[in-house]
C-alpha cells in the first residue's frame, strides 16, 4: 500500500509539474500608476499567467470584468493571475485606484 501511495504521489507531482510548465508567463509592472507594458499579446486557447509587480509605494487593484478578475497588489509587492484558456479577442484591464492612467489590454491571437 505504501508503494502504491508513493507511486501515485510521484505521478501526481510529475503531471502537476508538466501542467505548470505549459503555462506561459507574462510580466506586467505598475509604475507611476501605469501598466508597463500596457499591452500584452498571448496565444489563444492556452492558460497564461500574468505576473503583476507593483513598483509604486501605494496599493493598486488589478481589475478586469473581461477576465472576471479583481486582485489587490500592495506597494512593492507582486501577484500572479492565471487566466484562460481564452478565445481570440481583446480583454481590457485597469487599476481600480488609478483608472485614468492604469489601463491595459490583453490581446489574444
PDB file of N, CA and C in Angstrom:
ATOM      1  N   UNK A   1       0.832  -1.201   0.000  1.00  0.00           N
ATOM      2  CA  UNK A   1       0.000   0.000   0.000  1.00  0.00           C
ATOM      3  C   UNK A   1       0.877   1.265   0.000  1.00  0.00           C
ATOM      4  N   UNK A   2       1.951   1.243   0.779  1.00  0.00           N
ATOM      5  CA  UNK A   2       2.844   2.403   0.823  1.00  0.00           C
ATOM      6  C   UNK A   2       3.482   2.658  -0.538  1.00  0.00           C
ATOM      7  N   UNK A   3       3.857   1.555  -1.237  1.00  0.00           N
ATOM      8  CA  UNK A   3       4.453   1.703  -2.569  1.00  0.00           C
ATOM      9  C   UNK A   3       3.455   2.339  -3.539  1.00  0.00           C
ATOM     10  N   UNK A   4       2.211   1.895  -3.465  1.00  0.00           N
ATOM     11  CA  UNK A   4       1.182   2.432  -4.344  1.00  0.00           C
ATOM     12  C   UNK A   4       0.974   3.922  -4.087  1.00  0.00           C
ATOM     13  N   UNK A   5       0.912   4.312  -2.824  1.00  0.00           N
ATOM     14  CA  UNK A   5       0.756   5.732  -2.484  1.00  0.00           C
ATOM     15  C   UNK A   5       1.951   6.545  -2.967  1.00  0.00           C
ATOM     16  N   UNK A   6       3.134   6.003  -2.829  1.00  0.00           N
ATOM     17  CA  UNK A   6       4.340   6.701  -3.282  1.00  0.00           C
ATOM     18  C   UNK A   6       4.315   6.885  -4.794  1.00  0.00           C
ATOM     19  N   UNK A   7       3.927   5.834  -5.513  1.00  0.00           N
ATOM     20  CA  UNK A   7       3.853   5.915  -6.977  1.00  0.00           C
ATOM     21  C   UNK A   7       2.800   6.925  -7.406  1.00  0.00           C
ATOM     22  N   UNK A   8       1.649   6.910  -6.761  1.00  0.00           N
ATOM     23  CA  UNK A   8       0.592   7.874  -7.086  1.00  0.00           C
ATOM     24  C   UNK A   8       1.046   9.299  -6.797  1.00  0.00           C
ATOM     25  N   UNK A   9       1.726   9.507  -5.686  1.00  0.00           N
ATOM     26  CA  UNK A   9       2.218  10.848  -5.333  1.00  0.00           C
ATOM     27  C   UNK A   9       3.218  11.345  -6.358  1.00  0.00           C
ATOM     28  N   UNK A  10       4.146  10.488  -6.745  1.00  0.00           N
ATOM     29  CA  UNK A  10       5.155  10.872  -7.734  1.00  0.00           C
ATOM     30  C   UNK A  10       4.496  11.168  -9.078  1.00  0.00           C
ATOM     31  N   UNK A  11       3.538  10.353  -9.483  1.00  0.00           N
ATOM     32  CA  UNK A  11       2.824  10.571 -10.744  1.00  0.00           C
ATOM     33  C   UNK A  11       2.070  11.891 -10.712  1.00  0.00           C
ATOM     34  N   UNK A  12       1.393  12.165  -9.596  1.00  0.00           N
ATOM     35  CA  UNK A  12       0.652  13.412  -9.468  1.00  0.00           C
ATOM     36  C   UNK A  12       1.598  14.603  -9.554  1.00  0.00           C
ATOM     37  N   UNK A  13       2.723  14.558  -8.864  1.00  0.00           N
ATOM     38  CA  UNK A  13       3.693  15.653  -8.890  1.00  0.00           C
ATOM     39  C   UNK A  13       4.250  15.862 -10.290  1.00  0.00           C
ATOM     40  N   UNK A  14       4.535  14.780 -10.988  1.00  0.00           N
ATOM     41  CA  UNK A  14       5.061  14.892 -12.348  1.00  0.00           C
ATOM     42  C   UNK A  14       4.031  15.520 -13.279  1.00  0.00           C
ATOM     43  N   UNK A  15       2.792  15.084 -13.205  1.00  0.00           N
ATOM     44  CA  UNK A  15       1.738  15.654 -14.052  1.00  0.00           C
ATOM     45  C   UNK A  15       1.490  17.105 -13.708  1.00  0.00           C
ATOM     46  N   UNK A  16       1.497  17.431 -12.430  1.00  0.00           N
ATOM     47  CA  UNK A  16       1.283  18.799 -11.988  1.00  0.00           C
ATOM     48  C   UNK A  16       2.418  19.699 -12.471  1.00  0.00           C
ATOM     49  N   UNK A  17       3.648  19.220 -12.419  1.00  0.00           N
ATOM     50  CA  UNK A  17       4.796  19.993 -12.890  1.00  0.00           C
ATOM     51  C   UNK A  17       4.710  20.235 -14.390  1.00  0.00           C
ATOM     52  N   UNK A  18       4.308  19.209 -15.151  1.00  0.00           N
ATOM     53  CA  UNK A  18       4.145  19.367 -16.595  1.00  0.00           C
ATOM     54  C   UNK A  18       3.090  20.408 -16.911  1.00  0.00           C
ATOM     55  N   UNK A  19       1.973  20.380 -16.205  1.00  0.00           N
ATOM     56  CA  UNK A  19       0.888  21.333 -16.446  1.00  0.00           C
ATOM     57  C   UNK A  19       1.353  22.755 -16.166  1.00  0.00           C
ATOM     58  N   UNK A  20       2.104  22.934 -15.087  1.00  0.00           N
ATOM     59  CA  UNK A  20       2.595  24.271 -14.753  1.00  0.00           C
ATOM     60  C   UNK A  20       3.615  24.754 -15.773  1.00  0.00           C
ATOM     61  N   UNK A  21       4.429  23.852 -16.291  1.00  0.00           N
ATOM     62  CA  UNK A  21       5.448  24.229 -17.262  1.00  0.00           C
ATOM     63  C   UNK A  21       4.815  24.721 -18.567  1.00  0.00           C
ATOM     64  N   UNK A  22       3.615  24.247 -18.885  1.00  0.00           N
ATOM     65  CA  UNK A  22       2.942  24.643 -20.113  1.00  0.00           C
ATOM     66  C   UNK A  22       2.308  26.025 -20.040  1.00  0.00           C
ATOM     67  N   UNK A  23       2.181  26.588 -18.853  1.00  0.00           N
ATOM     68  CA  UNK A  23       1.553  27.892 -18.691  1.00  0.00           C
ATOM     69  C   UNK A  23       2.580  28.985 -19.028  1.00  0.00           C
ATOM     70  N   UNK A  24       2.270  29.787 -20.040  1.00  0.00           N
ATOM     71  CA  UNK A  24       3.162  30.886 -20.426  1.00  0.00           C
ATOM     72  C   UNK A  24       2.991  32.041 -19.446  1.00  0.00           C
ATOM     73  N   UNK A  25       4.096  32.672 -19.096  1.00  0.00           N
ATOM     74  CA  UNK A  25       4.082  33.768 -18.134  1.00  0.00           C
ATOM     75  C   UNK A  25       4.363  35.096 -18.823  1.00  0.00           C
ATOM     76  N   UNK A  26       3.646  36.128 -18.371  1.00  0.00           N
ATOM     77  CA  UNK A  26       3.821  37.478 -18.895  1.00  0.00           C
ATOM     78  C   UNK A  26       3.924  38.433 -17.714  1.00  0.00           C
ATOM     79  N   UNK A  27       4.947  39.260 -17.722  1.00  0.00           N
ATOM     80  CA  UNK A  27       5.181  40.180 -16.613  1.00  0.00           C
ATOM     81  C   UNK A  27       4.646  41.567 -16.954  1.00  0.00           C
ATOM     82  N   UNK A  28       3.904  42.115 -16.008  1.00  0.00           N
ATOM     83  CA  UNK A  28       3.373  43.476 -16.119  1.00  0.00           C
ATOM     84  C   UNK A  28       3.817  44.220 -14.865  1.00  0.00           C
ATOM     85  N   UNK A  29       4.351  45.402 -15.041  1.00  0.00           N
ATOM     86  CA  UNK A  29       4.718  46.220 -13.884  1.00  0.00           C
ATOM     87  C   UNK A  29       3.757  47.393 -13.759  1.00  0.00           C
ATOM     88  N   UNK A  30       3.552  47.798 -12.526  1.00  0.00           N
ATOM     89  CA  UNK A  30       2.811  49.032 -12.258  1.00  0.00           C
ATOM     90  C   UNK A  30       3.864  50.042 -11.832  1.00  0.00           C
ATOM     91  N   UNK A  31       3.982  51.111 -12.612  1.00  0.00           N
ATOM     92  CA  UNK A  31       4.984  52.145 -12.340  1.00  0.00           C
ATOM     93  C   UNK A  31       4.361  53.499 -12.617  1.00  0.00           C
ATOM     94  N   UNK A  32       4.430  54.384 -11.639  1.00  0.00           N
ATOM     95  CA  UNK A  32       3.816  55.719 -11.761  1.00  0.00           C
ATOM     96  C   UNK A  32       2.334  55.601 -12.098  1.00  0.00           C
ATOM     97  N   UNK A  33       1.675  54.622 -11.504  1.00  0.00           N
ATOM     98  CA  UNK A  33       0.239  54.371 -11.662  1.00  0.00           C
ATOM     99  C   UNK A  33      -0.155  54.039 -13.097  1.00  0.00           C
ATOM    100  N   UNK A  34       0.762  53.373 -13.813  1.00  0.00           N
ATOM    101  CA  UNK A  34       0.501  52.911 -15.181  1.00  0.00           C
ATOM    102  C   UNK A  34       0.980  51.474 -15.302  1.00  0.00           C
ATOM    103  N   UNK A  35       0.359  50.715 -16.212  1.00  0.00           N
ATOM    104  CA  UNK A  35       0.819  49.363 -16.508  1.00  0.00           C
ATOM    105  C   UNK A  35       1.908  49.423 -17.568  1.00  0.00           C
ATOM    106  N   UNK A  36       3.011  48.722 -17.312  1.00  0.00           N
ATOM    107  CA  UNK A  36       4.136  48.681 -18.244  1.00  0.00           C
ATOM    108  C   UNK A  36       4.509  47.222 -18.466  1.00  0.00           C
ATOM    109  N   UNK A  37       4.343  46.675 -19.663  1.00  0.00           N
ATOM    110  CA  UNK A  37       3.713  47.300 -20.824  1.00  0.00           C
ATOM    111  C   UNK A  37       2.201  47.381 -20.621  1.00  0.00           C
ATOM    112  N   UNK A  38       1.577  48.244 -21.378  1.00  0.00           N
ATOM    113  CA  UNK A  38       0.123  48.382 -21.246  1.00  0.00           C
ATOM    114  C   UNK A  38      -0.636  47.488 -22.227  1.00  0.00           C
ATOM    115  N   UNK A  39       0.115  46.720 -23.026  1.00  0.00           N
ATOM    116  CA  UNK A  39      -0.500  45.778 -23.955  1.00  0.00           C
ATOM    117  C   UNK A  39       0.344  44.499 -23.998  1.00  0.00           C
ATOM    118  N   UNK A  40      -0.328  43.370 -23.856  1.00  0.00           N
ATOM    119  CA  UNK A  40       0.330  42.060 -23.890  1.00  0.00           C
ATOM    120  C   UNK A  40      -0.367  41.230 -24.961  1.00  0.00           C
ATOM    121  N   UNK A  41       0.410  40.529 -25.783  1.00  0.00           N
ATOM    122  CA  UNK A  41      -0.153  39.621 -26.768  1.00  0.00           C
ATOM    123  C   UNK A  41       0.190  38.190 -26.357  1.00  0.00           C
ATOM    124  N   UNK A  42      -0.827  37.341 -26.299  1.00  0.00           N
ATOM    125  CA  UNK A  42      -0.651  35.961 -25.846  1.00  0.00           C
ATOM    126  C   UNK A  42      -1.414  35.023 -26.775  1.00  0.00           C
ATOM    127  N   UNK A  43      -1.050  33.741 -26.755  1.00  0.00           N
ATOM    128  CA  UNK A  43      -1.701  32.776 -27.645  1.00  0.00           C
ATOM    129  C   UNK A  43      -3.114  32.398 -27.194  1.00  0.00           C
ATOM    130  N   UNK A  44      -3.965  32.146 -28.168  1.00  0.00           N
ATOM    131  CA  UNK A  44      -5.341  31.715 -27.891  1.00  0.00           C
ATOM    132  C   UNK A  44      -5.355  30.270 -27.405  1.00  0.00           C
ATOM    133  N   UNK A  45      -6.402  29.948 -26.682  1.00  0.00           N
ATOM    134  CA  UNK A  45      -6.688  28.584 -26.234  1.00  0.00           C
ATOM    135  C   UNK A  45      -5.604  27.981 -25.349  1.00  0.00           C
ATOM    136  N   UNK A  46      -4.913  28.828 -24.600  1.00  0.00           N
ATOM    137  CA  UNK A  46      -3.903  28.368 -23.654  1.00  0.00           C
ATOM    138  C   UNK A  46      -4.064  29.125 -22.345  1.00  0.00           C
ATOM    139  N   UNK A  47      -3.758  28.462 -21.242  1.00  0.00           N
ATOM    140  CA  UNK A  47      -3.708  29.156 -19.960  1.00  0.00           C
ATOM    141  C   UNK A  47      -2.481  30.046 -19.945  1.00  0.00           C
ATOM    142  N   UNK A  48      -2.614  31.212 -19.339  1.00  0.00           N
ATOM    143  CA  UNK A  48      -1.462  32.102 -19.189  1.00  0.00           C
ATOM    144  C   UNK A  48      -1.420  32.629 -17.760  1.00  0.00           C
ATOM    145  N   UNK A  49      -0.232  32.994 -17.343  1.00  0.00           N
ATOM    146  CA  UNK A  49      -0.052  33.580 -16.013  1.00  0.00           C
ATOM    147  C   UNK A  49       0.442  35.009 -16.186  1.00  0.00           C
ATOM    148  N   UNK A  50      -0.287  35.946 -15.596  1.00  0.00           N
ATOM    149  CA  UNK A  50       0.141  37.333 -15.554  1.00  0.00           C
ATOM    150  C   UNK A  50       0.810  37.556 -14.209  1.00  0.00           C
ATOM    151  N   UNK A  51       2.050  38.003 -14.236  1.00  0.00           N
ATOM    152  CA  UNK A  51       2.776  38.339 -13.019  1.00  0.00           C
ATOM    153  C   UNK A  51       2.756  39.857 -12.938  1.00  0.00           C
ATOM    154  N   UNK A  52       1.992  40.378 -11.987  1.00  0.00           N
ATOM    155  CA  UNK A  52       1.809  41.829 -11.852  1.00  0.00           C
ATOM    156  C   UNK A  52       2.655  42.305 -10.674  1.00  0.00           C
ATOM    157  N   UNK A  53       3.652  43.119 -10.974  1.00  0.00           N
ATOM    158  CA  UNK A  53       4.572  43.635  -9.967  1.00  0.00           C
ATOM    159  C   UNK A  53       4.324  45.133  -9.787  1.00  0.00           C
ATOM    160  N   UNK A  54       4.013  45.529  -8.567  1.00  0.00           N
ATOM    161  CA  UNK A  54       3.722  46.932  -8.270  1.00  0.00           C
ATOM    162  C   UNK A  54       5.001  47.615  -7.785  1.00  0.00           C
ATOM    163  N   UNK A  55       5.586  48.453  -8.625  1.00  0.00           N
ATOM    164  CA  UNK A  55       6.796  49.186  -8.272  1.00  0.00           C
ATOM    165  C   UNK A  55       6.487  50.458  -7.494  1.00  0.00           C
ATOM    166  N   UNK A  56       5.212  50.863  -7.471  1.00  0.00           N
ATOM    167  CA  UNK A  56       4.812  52.047  -6.710  1.00  0.00           C
ATOM    168  C   UNK A  56       4.760  51.702  -5.221  1.00  0.00           C
ATOM    169  N   UNK A  57       4.700  52.728  -4.399  1.00  0.00           N
ATOM    170  CA  UNK A  57       4.622  52.517  -2.946  1.00  0.00           C
ATOM    171  C   UNK A  57       3.185  52.378  -2.469  1.00  0.00           C
ATOM    172  N   UNK A  58       2.231  52.702  -3.330  1.00  0.00           N
ATOM    173  CA  UNK A  58       0.820  52.644  -2.948  1.00  0.00           C
ATOM    174  C   UNK A  58       0.153  51.387  -3.512  1.00  0.00           C
ATOM    175  N   UNK A  59      -0.884  50.952  -2.854  1.00  0.00           N
ATOM    176  CA  UNK A  59      -1.633  49.766  -3.270  1.00  0.00           C
ATOM    177  C   UNK A  59      -2.400  50.048  -4.566  1.00  0.00           C
ATOM    178  N   UNK A  60      -2.583  49.019  -5.356  1.00  0.00           N
ATOM    179  CA  UNK A  60      -3.398  49.115  -6.571  1.00  0.00           C
ATOM    180  C   UNK A  60      -4.234  47.841  -6.650  1.00  0.00           C
ATOM    181  N   UNK A  61      -5.324  47.917  -7.385  1.00  0.00           N
ATOM    182  CA  UNK A  61      -6.153  46.742  -7.609  1.00  0.00           C
ATOM    183  C   UNK A  61      -6.199  46.453  -9.093  1.00  0.00           C
ATOM    184  N   UNK A  62      -5.691  45.281  -9.484  1.00  0.00           N
ATOM    185  CA  UNK A  62      -5.808  44.824 -10.866  1.00  0.00           C
ATOM    186  C   UNK A  62      -7.245  44.382 -11.042  1.00  0.00           C
ATOM    187  N   UNK A  63      -7.927  44.989 -11.998  1.00  0.00           N
ATOM    188  CA  UNK A  63      -9.338  44.650 -12.194  1.00  0.00           C
ATOM    189  C   UNK A  63      -9.640  44.481 -13.678  1.00  0.00           C
ATOM    190  N   UNK A  64     -10.461  43.478 -13.979  1.00  0.00           N
ATOM    191  CA  UNK A  64     -10.910  43.243 -15.346  1.00  0.00           C
ATOM    192  C   UNK A  64     -12.241  42.511 -15.326  1.00  0.00           C
ATOM    193  N   UNK A  65     -13.268  43.194 -15.815  1.00  0.00           N
ATOM    194  CA  UNK A  65     -14.555  42.498 -15.952  1.00  0.00           C
ATOM    195  C   UNK A  65     -14.484  41.519 -17.126  1.00  0.00           C
ATOM    196  N   UNK A  66     -13.655  41.834 -18.136  1.00  0.00           N
ATOM    197  CA  UNK A  66     -13.476  40.930 -19.283  1.00  0.00           C
ATOM    198  C   UNK A  66     -12.875  39.589 -18.854  1.00  0.00           C
ATOM    199  N   UNK A  67     -11.960  39.636 -17.872  1.00  0.00           N
ATOM    200  CA  UNK A  67     -11.290  38.423 -17.398  1.00  0.00           C
ATOM    201  C   UNK A  67     -11.894  37.885 -16.104  1.00  0.00           C
ATOM    202  N   UNK A  68     -12.879  38.603 -15.578  1.00  0.00           N
ATOM    203  CA  UNK A  68     -13.516  38.243 -14.299  1.00  0.00           C
ATOM    204  C   UNK A  68     -12.485  38.127 -13.180  1.00  0.00           C
ATOM    205  N   UNK A  69     -11.638  39.163 -13.053  1.00  0.00           N
ATOM    206  CA  UNK A  69     -10.596  39.156 -12.032  1.00  0.00           C
ATOM    207  C   UNK A  69     -10.539  40.500 -11.317  1.00  0.00           C
ATOM    208  N   UNK A  70     -10.343  40.421 -10.004  1.00  0.00           N
ATOM    209  CA  UNK A  70     -10.064  41.575  -9.151  1.00  0.00           C
ATOM    210  C   UNK A  70      -9.063  41.109  -8.120  1.00  0.00           C
ATOM    211  N   UNK A  71      -7.923  41.773  -8.048  1.00  0.00           N
ATOM    212  CA  UNK A  71      -6.922  41.336  -7.086  1.00  0.00           C
ATOM    213  C   UNK A  71      -6.070  42.526  -6.651  1.00  0.00           C
ATOM    214  N   UNK A  72      -5.929  42.692  -5.333  1.00  0.00           N
ATOM    215  CA  UNK A  72      -5.106  43.761  -4.787  1.00  0.00           C
ATOM    216  C   UNK A  72      -3.637  43.395  -4.899  1.00  0.00           C
ATOM    217  N   UNK A  73      -2.834  44.420  -5.199  1.00  0.00           N
ATOM    218  CA  UNK A  73      -1.378  44.237  -5.194  1.00  0.00           C
ATOM    219  C   UNK A  73      -0.778  45.401  -4.412  1.00  0.00           C
ATOM    220  N   UNK A  74      -0.172  45.077  -3.280  1.00  0.00           N
ATOM    221  CA  UNK A  74       0.400  46.089  -2.414  1.00  0.00           C
ATOM    222  C   UNK A  74       1.594  46.776  -3.055  1.00  0.00           C
ATOM    223  N   UNK A  75       1.934  47.941  -2.514  1.00  0.00           N
ATOM    224  CA  UNK A  75       3.116  48.653  -2.980  1.00  0.00           C
ATOM    225  C   UNK A  75       4.356  47.800  -2.745  1.00  0.00           C
ATOM    226  N   UNK A  76       5.187  47.665  -3.785  1.00  0.00           N
ATOM    227  CA  UNK A  76       6.394  46.868  -3.683  1.00  0.00           C
ATOM    228  C   UNK A  76       6.151  45.366  -3.683  1.00  0.00           C
ATOM    229  N   UNK A  77       4.954  44.934  -3.993  1.00  0.00           N
ATOM    230  CA  UNK A  77       4.592  43.506  -3.984  1.00  0.00           C
ATOM    231  C   UNK A  77       4.258  43.043  -5.397  1.00  0.00           C
ATOM    232  N   UNK A  78       4.075  41.731  -5.540  1.00  0.00           N
ATOM    233  CA  UNK A  78       3.632  41.189  -6.822  1.00  0.00           C
ATOM    234  C   UNK A  78       2.579  40.114  -6.578  1.00  0.00           C
ATOM    235  N   UNK A  79       1.773  39.893  -7.606  1.00  0.00           N
ATOM    236  CA  UNK A  79       0.716  38.881  -7.564  1.00  0.00           C
ATOM    237  C   UNK A  79       0.758  38.078  -8.859  1.00  0.00           C
ATOM    238  N   UNK A  80       0.165  36.905  -8.818  1.00  0.00           N
ATOM    239  CA  UNK A  80       0.017  36.068 -10.007  1.00  0.00           C
ATOM    240  C   UNK A  80      -1.462  35.913 -10.311  1.00  0.00           C
ATOM    241  N   UNK A  81      -1.796  36.048 -11.589  1.00  0.00           N
ATOM    242  CA  UNK A  81      -3.168  35.873 -12.042  1.00  0.00           C
ATOM    243  C   UNK A  81      -3.147  34.894 -13.203  1.00  0.00           C
ATOM    244  N   UNK A  82      -3.788  33.753 -13.028  1.00  0.00           N
ATOM    245  CA  UNK A  82      -3.857  32.751 -14.092  1.00  0.00           C
ATOM    246  C   UNK A  82      -5.219  32.878 -14.758  1.00  0.00           C
ATOM    247  N   UNK A  83      -5.204  32.975 -16.082  1.00  0.00           N
ATOM    248  CA  UNK A  83      -6.446  33.074 -16.861  1.00  0.00           C
ATOM    249  C   UNK A  83      -6.385  32.113 -18.037  1.00  0.00           C
ATOM    250  N   UNK A  84      -7.559  31.815 -18.557  1.00  0.00           N
ATOM    251  CA  UNK A  84      -7.617  31.008 -19.758  1.00  0.00           C
ATOM    252  C   UNK A  84      -7.980  29.574 -19.486  1.00  0.00           C
ATOM    253  N   UNK A  85      -7.997  28.852 -20.580  1.00  0.00           N
ATOM    254  CA  UNK A  85      -7.714  29.246 -21.953  1.00  0.00           C
ATOM    255  C   UNK A  85      -8.737  30.268 -22.468  1.00  0.00           C
ATOM    256  N   UNK A  86      -8.246  31.215 -23.236  1.00  0.00           N
ATOM    257  CA  UNK A  86      -9.086  32.299 -23.751  1.00  0.00           C
ATOM    258  C   UNK A  86      -9.218  32.211 -25.267  1.00  0.00           C
ATOM    259  N   UNK A  87     -10.365  32.627 -25.765  1.00  0.00           N
ATOM    260  CA  UNK A  87     -10.579  32.721 -27.208  1.00  0.00           C
ATOM    261  C   UNK A  87      -9.908  33.989 -27.724  1.00  0.00           C
ATOM    262  N   UNK A  88      -9.646  34.026 -29.015  1.00  0.00           N
ATOM    263  CA  UNK A  88      -9.044  35.212 -29.627  1.00  0.00           C
ATOM    264  C   UNK A  88      -9.917  36.429 -29.358  1.00  0.00           C
ATOM    265  N   UNK A  89      -9.281  37.532 -29.067  1.00  0.00           N
ATOM    266  CA  UNK A  89     -10.005  38.769 -28.787  1.00  0.00           C
ATOM    267  C   UNK A  89      -9.157  39.700 -27.944  1.00  0.00           C
ATOM    268  N   UNK A  90      -9.748  40.815 -27.558  1.00  0.00           N
ATOM    269  CA  UNK A  90      -9.082  41.808 -26.728  1.00  0.00           C
ATOM    270  C   UNK A  90      -9.774  41.873 -25.384  1.00  0.00           C
ATOM    271  N   UNK A  91      -9.006  41.778 -24.323  1.00  0.00           N
ATOM    272  CA  UNK A  91      -9.506  41.780 -22.954  1.00  0.00           C
ATOM    273  C   UNK A  91      -8.874  42.959 -22.223  1.00  0.00           C
ATOM    274  N   UNK A  92      -9.715  43.842 -21.715  1.00  0.00           N
ATOM    275  CA  UNK A  92      -9.225  45.047 -21.042  1.00  0.00           C
ATOM    276  C   UNK A  92      -9.044  44.809 -19.551  1.00  0.00           C
ATOM    277  N   UNK A  93      -8.079  45.529 -18.970  1.00  0.00           N
ATOM    278  CA  UNK A  93      -7.881  45.536 -17.528  1.00  0.00           C
ATOM    279  C   UNK A  93      -7.478  46.945 -17.114  1.00  0.00           C
ATOM    280  N   UNK A  94      -7.637  47.244 -15.815  1.00  0.00           N
ATOM    281  CA  UNK A  94      -7.295  48.576 -15.327  1.00  0.00           C
ATOM    282  C   UNK A  94      -6.958  48.511 -13.850  1.00  0.00           C
ATOM    283  N   UNK A  95      -6.370  49.594 -13.359  1.00  0.00           N
ATOM    284  CA  UNK A  95      -6.095  49.740 -11.933  1.00  0.00           C
ATOM    285  C   UNK A  95      -7.262  50.479 -11.306  1.00  0.00           C
ATOM    286  N   UNK A  96      -7.930  49.845 -10.378  1.00  0.00           N
ATOM    287  CA  UNK A  96      -9.133  50.422  -9.755  1.00  0.00           C
ATOM    288  C   UNK A  96      -8.855  51.773  -9.106  1.00  0.00           C
ATOM    289  N   UNK A  97      -7.693  51.931  -8.473  1.00  0.00           N
ATOM    290  CA  UNK A  97      -7.422  53.157  -7.722  1.00  0.00           C
ATOM    291  C   UNK A  97      -6.839  54.282  -8.582  1.00  0.00           C
ATOM    292  N   UNK A  98      -6.393  53.970  -9.783  1.00  0.00           N
ATOM    293  CA  UNK A  98      -5.859  54.980 -10.715  1.00  0.00           C
ATOM    294  C   UNK A  98      -6.360  54.659 -12.122  1.00  0.00           C
ATOM    295  N   UNK A  99      -7.663  54.564 -12.260  1.00  0.00           N
ATOM    296  CA  UNK A  99      -8.260  54.080 -13.508  1.00  0.00           C
ATOM    297  C   UNK A  99      -8.037  55.006 -14.707  1.00  0.00           C
ATOM    298  N   UNK A 100      -7.718  56.273 -14.468  1.00  0.00           N
ATOM    299  CA  UNK A 100      -7.459  57.173 -15.597  1.00  0.00           C
ATOM    300  C   UNK A 100      -6.104  56.895 -16.243  1.00  0.00           C
ATOM    301  N   UNK A 101      -5.138  56.436 -15.455  1.00  0.00           N
ATOM    302  CA  UNK A 101      -3.792  56.208 -16.002  1.00  0.00           C
ATOM    303  C   UNK A 101      -3.437  54.729 -16.113  1.00  0.00           C
ATOM    304  N   UNK A 102      -3.954  53.906 -15.239  1.00  0.00           N
ATOM    305  CA  UNK A 102      -3.614  52.476 -15.230  1.00  0.00           C
ATOM    306  C   UNK A 102      -4.609  51.703 -16.101  1.00  0.00           C
ATOM    307  N   UNK A 103      -4.316  51.663 -17.391  1.00  0.00           N
ATOM    308  CA  UNK A 103      -5.171  50.989 -18.371  1.00  0.00           C
ATOM    309  C   UNK A 103      -4.314  49.998 -19.157  1.00  0.00           C
ATOM    310  N   UNK A 104      -4.886  48.846 -19.470  1.00  0.00           N
ATOM    311  CA  UNK A 104      -4.137  47.879 -20.255  1.00  0.00           C
ATOM    312  C   UNK A 104      -5.042  46.957 -21.033  1.00  0.00           C
ATOM    313  N   UNK A 105      -4.422  46.239 -21.990  1.00  0.00           N
ATOM    314  CA  UNK A 105      -5.170  45.269 -22.790  1.00  0.00           C
ATOM    315  C   UNK A 105      -4.356  43.991 -22.912  1.00  0.00           C
ATOM    316  N   UNK A 106      -5.081  42.898 -22.938  1.00  0.00           N
ATOM    317  CA  UNK A 106      -4.518  41.577 -23.209  1.00  0.00           C
ATOM    318  C   UNK A 106      -5.095  41.165 -24.557  1.00  0.00           C
ATOM    319  N   UNK A 107      -4.209  41.022 -25.540  1.00  0.00           N
ATOM    320  CA  UNK A 107      -4.636  40.674 -26.890  1.00  0.00           C
ATOM    321  C   UNK A 107      -4.351  39.187 -27.093  1.00  0.00           C
ATOM    322  N   UNK A 108      -5.393  38.443 -27.370  1.00  0.00           N
ATOM    323  CA  UNK A 108      -5.266  37.002 -27.554  1.00  0.00           C
ATOM    324  C   UNK A 108      -5.413  36.696 -29.039  1.00  0.00           C
ATOM    325  N   UNK A 109      -4.383  36.052 -29.598  1.00  0.00           N
ATOM    326  CA  UNK A 109      -4.374  35.698 -31.044  1.00  0.00           C
ATOM    327  C   UNK A 109      -4.205  34.203 -31.210  1.00  0.00           C
TER     328      UNK A 109
END
